[in-house]
């Protein structure tokens, strides 16, 4: 089975699937004729398990240990429960801080944050934050469009020149042939841009941030 089929079945992006391959979590065979990856049913089932455990918050480092039989699932999930309990404790600290601020009748203009900063700093040093860290999809799409536009113009401008020259000086057929040579990469750039936007909108960047 090819990666496009696996992507549709498992509902993971190609980038995520290839990342898990790089980390040694799945090892698809290669087609002898064209070197394409060929995924077996075991590979697909393994990817489904990986996706499920990632949804539970199991880190890649522990997935590797599970894969190498250096850690069993029971111990892995016990560690995850311990981490969740620590997170719950940190949420309770934040909740308590919010209640203290409310009871102190603090206002946005006059809140004395020095009283709370030490507790927040301790939480941050432990790696805990309440901020939502999400990729800015609009910026990523804009960057993809801009870079595609720049590369596209590098090929499109010569194509236009050859078309114009065909009308004025040279054989129209020859000029159109040269123009076509430059237009084909432009089409490829557009196709890749569409795929890239689909990946960004599909959560690929958010998924990657969990690695």
Protein backbone atom coordinates (compact mmCIF):
# COMPACT_ATOMS: atom_id res chain seq x y z
CA UNK A 1 0.00 0.00 0.00
CA UNK A 2 1.32 3.46 -0.95
CA UNK A 3 1.63 6.45 1.40
CA UNK A 4 -1.36 8.26 -0.16
CA UNK A 5 -3.60 5.32 0.72
CA UNK A 6 -2.13 5.10 4.23
CA UNK A 7 -2.70 8.83 4.74
CA UNK A 8 -6.42 8.40 3.97
CA UNK A 9 -6.82 5.31 6.14
CA UNK A 10 -4.90 6.45 9.23
CA UNK A 11 -5.77 10.17 8.92
CA UNK A 12 -2.17 11.28 9.43
CA UNK A 13 -0.30 13.68 7.16
CA UNK A 14 2.54 12.40 4.97
CA UNK A 15 4.91 14.53 7.02
CA UNK A 16 3.84 12.83 10.25
CA UNK A 17 4.08 9.34 8.70
CA UNK A 18 7.57 10.06 7.39
CA UNK A 19 8.58 11.50 10.75
CA UNK A 20 7.54 8.30 12.50
CA UNK A 21 9.58 6.39 9.90
CA UNK A 22 12.65 8.56 10.58
CA UNK A 23 12.25 7.82 14.29
CA UNK A 24 12.16 4.10 13.53
CA UNK A 25 8.60 3.56 14.75
CA UNK A 26 7.48 2.08 11.42
CA UNK A 27 9.67 0.44 8.79
CA UNK A 28 7.86 0.04 5.47
CA UNK A 29 9.45 -2.03 2.72
CA UNK A 30 10.60 -0.53 -0.58
CA UNK A 31 9.38 -1.43 -4.04
CA UNK A 32 12.30 -3.01 -5.91
CA UNK A 33 11.27 -1.37 -9.19
CA UNK A 34 10.80 2.27 -8.16
CA UNK A 35 11.92 2.42 -4.49
CA UNK A 36 8.45 3.62 -3.38
CA UNK A 37 7.47 2.86 0.20
CA UNK A 38 5.11 -0.10 0.55
CA UNK A 39 3.12 -0.24 3.78
CA UNK A 40 1.82 -3.52 5.16
CA UNK A 41 -1.26 -4.06 7.34
CA UNK A 42 1.10 -4.27 10.34
CA UNK A 43 2.53 -0.84 9.45
CA UNK A 44 -0.99 0.62 9.24
CA UNK A 45 -2.01 -0.92 12.57
CA UNK A 46 1.18 0.37 14.17
CA UNK A 47 0.49 3.90 12.87
CA UNK A 48 -3.05 3.73 14.29
CA UNK A 49 -1.64 2.74 17.69
CA UNK A 50 0.96 5.53 17.52
CA UNK A 51 -1.71 8.08 16.65
CA UNK A 52 -3.92 6.88 19.53
CA UNK A 53 -1.12 7.01 22.08
CA UNK A 54 -0.07 10.46 20.85
CA UNK A 55 -3.66 11.59 21.50
CA UNK A 56 -3.19 10.35 25.07
CA UNK A 57 -0.10 12.54 25.30
CA UNK A 58 2.52 9.78 25.21
CA UNK A 59 5.79 11.41 24.03
CA UNK A 60 7.86 10.17 21.11
CA UNK A 61 10.72 9.20 23.43
CA UNK A 62 8.46 6.70 25.22
CA UNK A 63 6.97 5.43 21.96
CA UNK A 64 10.53 4.58 20.92
CA UNK A 65 11.05 2.64 24.14
CA UNK A 66 7.76 0.79 23.59
CA UNK A 67 8.82 0.01 20.04
CA UNK A 68 12.22 -1.29 21.22
CA UNK A 69 10.58 -3.26 24.07
CA UNK A 70 12.48 -1.17 26.63
CA UNK A 71 9.17 -0.14 28.24
CA UNK A 72 5.84 -1.93 28.54
CA UNK A 73 2.50 -0.26 27.92
CA UNK A 74 1.38 -0.52 31.55
CA UNK A 75 4.43 1.36 32.85
CA UNK A 76 4.13 3.88 30.05
CA UNK A 77 0.51 4.69 30.95
CA UNK A 78 1.32 4.82 34.67
CA UNK A 79 3.91 7.51 33.88
CA UNK A 80 1.32 9.33 31.79
CA UNK A 81 -1.16 9.25 34.71
CA UNK A 82 1.55 10.65 36.99
CA UNK A 83 2.17 13.50 34.54
CA UNK A 84 -1.56 14.20 34.29
CA UNK A 85 -1.82 14.35 38.07
CA UNK A 86 1.08 16.84 38.14
CA UNK A 87 -0.69 18.90 35.47
CA UNK A 88 -3.92 18.82 37.52
CA UNK A 89 -1.99 20.05 40.54
CA UNK A 90 -0.57 22.93 38.49
CA UNK A 91 -4.04 23.81 37.20
CA UNK A 92 -5.26 23.94 40.79
CA UNK A 93 -2.42 26.37 41.63
CA UNK A 94 -3.44 28.59 38.73
CA UNK A 95 -7.10 28.37 39.79
CA UNK A 96 -6.17 29.35 43.35
CA UNK A 97 -4.19 32.32 42.04
CA UNK A 98 -7.15 33.49 39.95
CA UNK A 99 -9.44 33.27 43.00
CA UNK A 100 -6.96 35.30 45.08
CA UNK A 101 -6.93 38.02 42.41
CA UNK A 102 -10.74 38.10 42.33
CA UNK A 103 -11.01 38.24 46.14
CA UNK A 104 -8.42 41.03 46.26
CA UNK A 105 -10.64 43.10 43.90
CA UNK A 106 -7.68 43.67 41.58
CA UNK A 107 -8.33 45.60 38.36
CA UNK A 108 -6.67 45.41 34.96
CA UNK A 109 -5.26 48.91 35.43
CA UNK A 110 -3.93 48.45 38.96
CA UNK A 111 -3.24 44.74 39.52
CA UNK A 112 -0.11 44.12 41.58
CA UNK A 113 1.44 41.25 39.66
CA UNK A 114 4.57 41.12 41.85
CA UNK A 115 2.56 39.12 44.40
CA UNK A 116 1.85 36.39 41.85
CA UNK A 117 4.93 36.47 39.66
CA UNK A 118 6.99 34.12 41.82
CA UNK A 119 4.37 31.37 41.62
CA UNK A 120 4.04 31.77 37.85
CA UNK A 121 7.83 31.66 37.40
CA UNK A 122 8.00 28.41 39.39
CA UNK A 123 5.34 26.86 37.14
CA UNK A 124 7.11 28.07 33.99
CA UNK A 125 10.42 26.59 35.13
CA UNK A 126 8.62 23.27 35.53
CA UNK A 127 7.53 23.56 31.90
CA UNK A 128 3.91 24.40 32.63
CA UNK A 129 2.09 27.22 30.85
CA UNK A 130 -1.56 28.18 30.33
CA UNK A 131 -0.84 29.91 27.04
CA UNK A 132 -2.18 28.32 23.89
CA UNK A 133 0.81 27.71 21.64
CA UNK A 134 -0.57 27.33 18.11
CA UNK A 135 1.00 27.83 14.77
CA UNK A 136 -0.15 30.91 12.88
CA UNK A 137 -1.67 29.32 9.82
CA UNK A 138 -2.24 32.62 8.04
CA UNK A 139 1.45 33.51 8.26
CA UNK A 140 2.51 30.08 7.06
CA UNK A 141 0.09 30.20 4.13
CA UNK A 142 1.26 33.72 3.25
CA UNK A 143 4.89 32.55 3.33
CA UNK A 144 4.08 29.57 1.10
CA UNK A 145 2.20 31.77 -1.38
CA UNK A 146 4.96 34.40 -1.43
CA UNK A 147 7.77 31.92 -2.04
CA UNK A 148 5.72 30.15 -4.74
CA UNK A 149 4.99 33.50 -6.40
CA UNK A 150 8.68 34.42 -6.48
CA UNK A 151 9.74 31.07 -7.96
CA UNK A 152 6.77 31.09 -10.31
CA UNK A 153 7.74 34.48 -11.72
CA UNK A 154 11.26 33.24 -12.41
CA UNK A 155 9.76 30.78 -14.89
CA UNK A 156 6.70 32.75 -15.99
CA UNK A 157 8.60 35.85 -17.13
CA UNK A 158 10.81 33.93 -19.62
CA UNK A 159 7.68 32.14 -20.90
CA UNK A 160 5.99 35.49 -21.62
CA UNK A 161 9.17 36.76 -23.31
CA UNK A 162 9.28 33.77 -25.65
CA UNK A 163 5.61 34.17 -26.52
CA UNK A 164 6.12 37.86 -27.36
CA UNK A 165 9.26 37.06 -29.37
CA UNK A 166 7.27 34.47 -31.31
CA UNK A 167 4.95 37.15 -32.58
CA UNK A 168 7.71 39.57 -33.46
CA UNK A 169 10.87 37.83 -34.63
CA UNK A 170 11.06 34.06 -34.43
CA UNK A 171 9.01 31.03 -35.35
CA UNK A 172 5.82 31.01 -33.32
CA UNK A 173 5.96 27.21 -32.85
CA UNK A 174 9.52 27.29 -31.56
CA UNK A 175 8.74 30.18 -29.21
CA UNK A 176 5.66 28.39 -27.89
CA UNK A 177 7.77 25.29 -27.31
CA UNK A 178 10.28 27.24 -25.22
CA UNK A 179 7.41 28.98 -23.42
CA UNK A 180 5.91 25.60 -22.60
CA UNK A 181 9.21 24.45 -21.11
CA UNK A 182 9.02 27.36 -18.64
CA UNK A 183 5.27 27.06 -18.00
CA UNK A 184 5.44 23.41 -16.87
CA UNK A 185 7.46 24.28 -13.69
CA UNK A 186 4.93 27.05 -12.95
CA UNK A 187 2.12 24.47 -13.01
CA UNK A 188 4.15 22.20 -10.71
CA UNK A 189 4.71 25.11 -8.30
CA UNK A 190 0.97 25.83 -8.21
CA UNK A 191 0.14 22.16 -7.56
CA UNK A 192 2.70 22.01 -4.72
CA UNK A 193 1.33 25.25 -3.27
CA UNK A 194 -2.20 23.83 -3.19
CA UNK A 195 -0.94 20.68 -1.44
CA UNK A 196 1.04 22.76 1.04
CA UNK A 197 -1.99 24.89 1.94
CA UNK A 198 -4.04 21.73 2.42
CA UNK A 199 -1.38 20.35 4.77
CA UNK A 200 -1.30 23.55 6.81
CA UNK A 201 -5.09 23.75 7.06
CA UNK A 202 -5.20 20.06 7.86
CA UNK A 203 -3.20 20.62 11.04
CA UNK A 204 0.15 19.34 9.87
CA UNK A 205 2.04 22.16 11.59
CA UNK A 206 0.10 21.71 14.85
CA UNK A 207 0.78 18.00 14.67
CA UNK A 208 4.47 18.59 14.08
CA UNK A 209 4.65 20.85 17.11
CA UNK A 210 3.75 17.84 19.30
CA UNK A 211 6.86 15.94 18.28
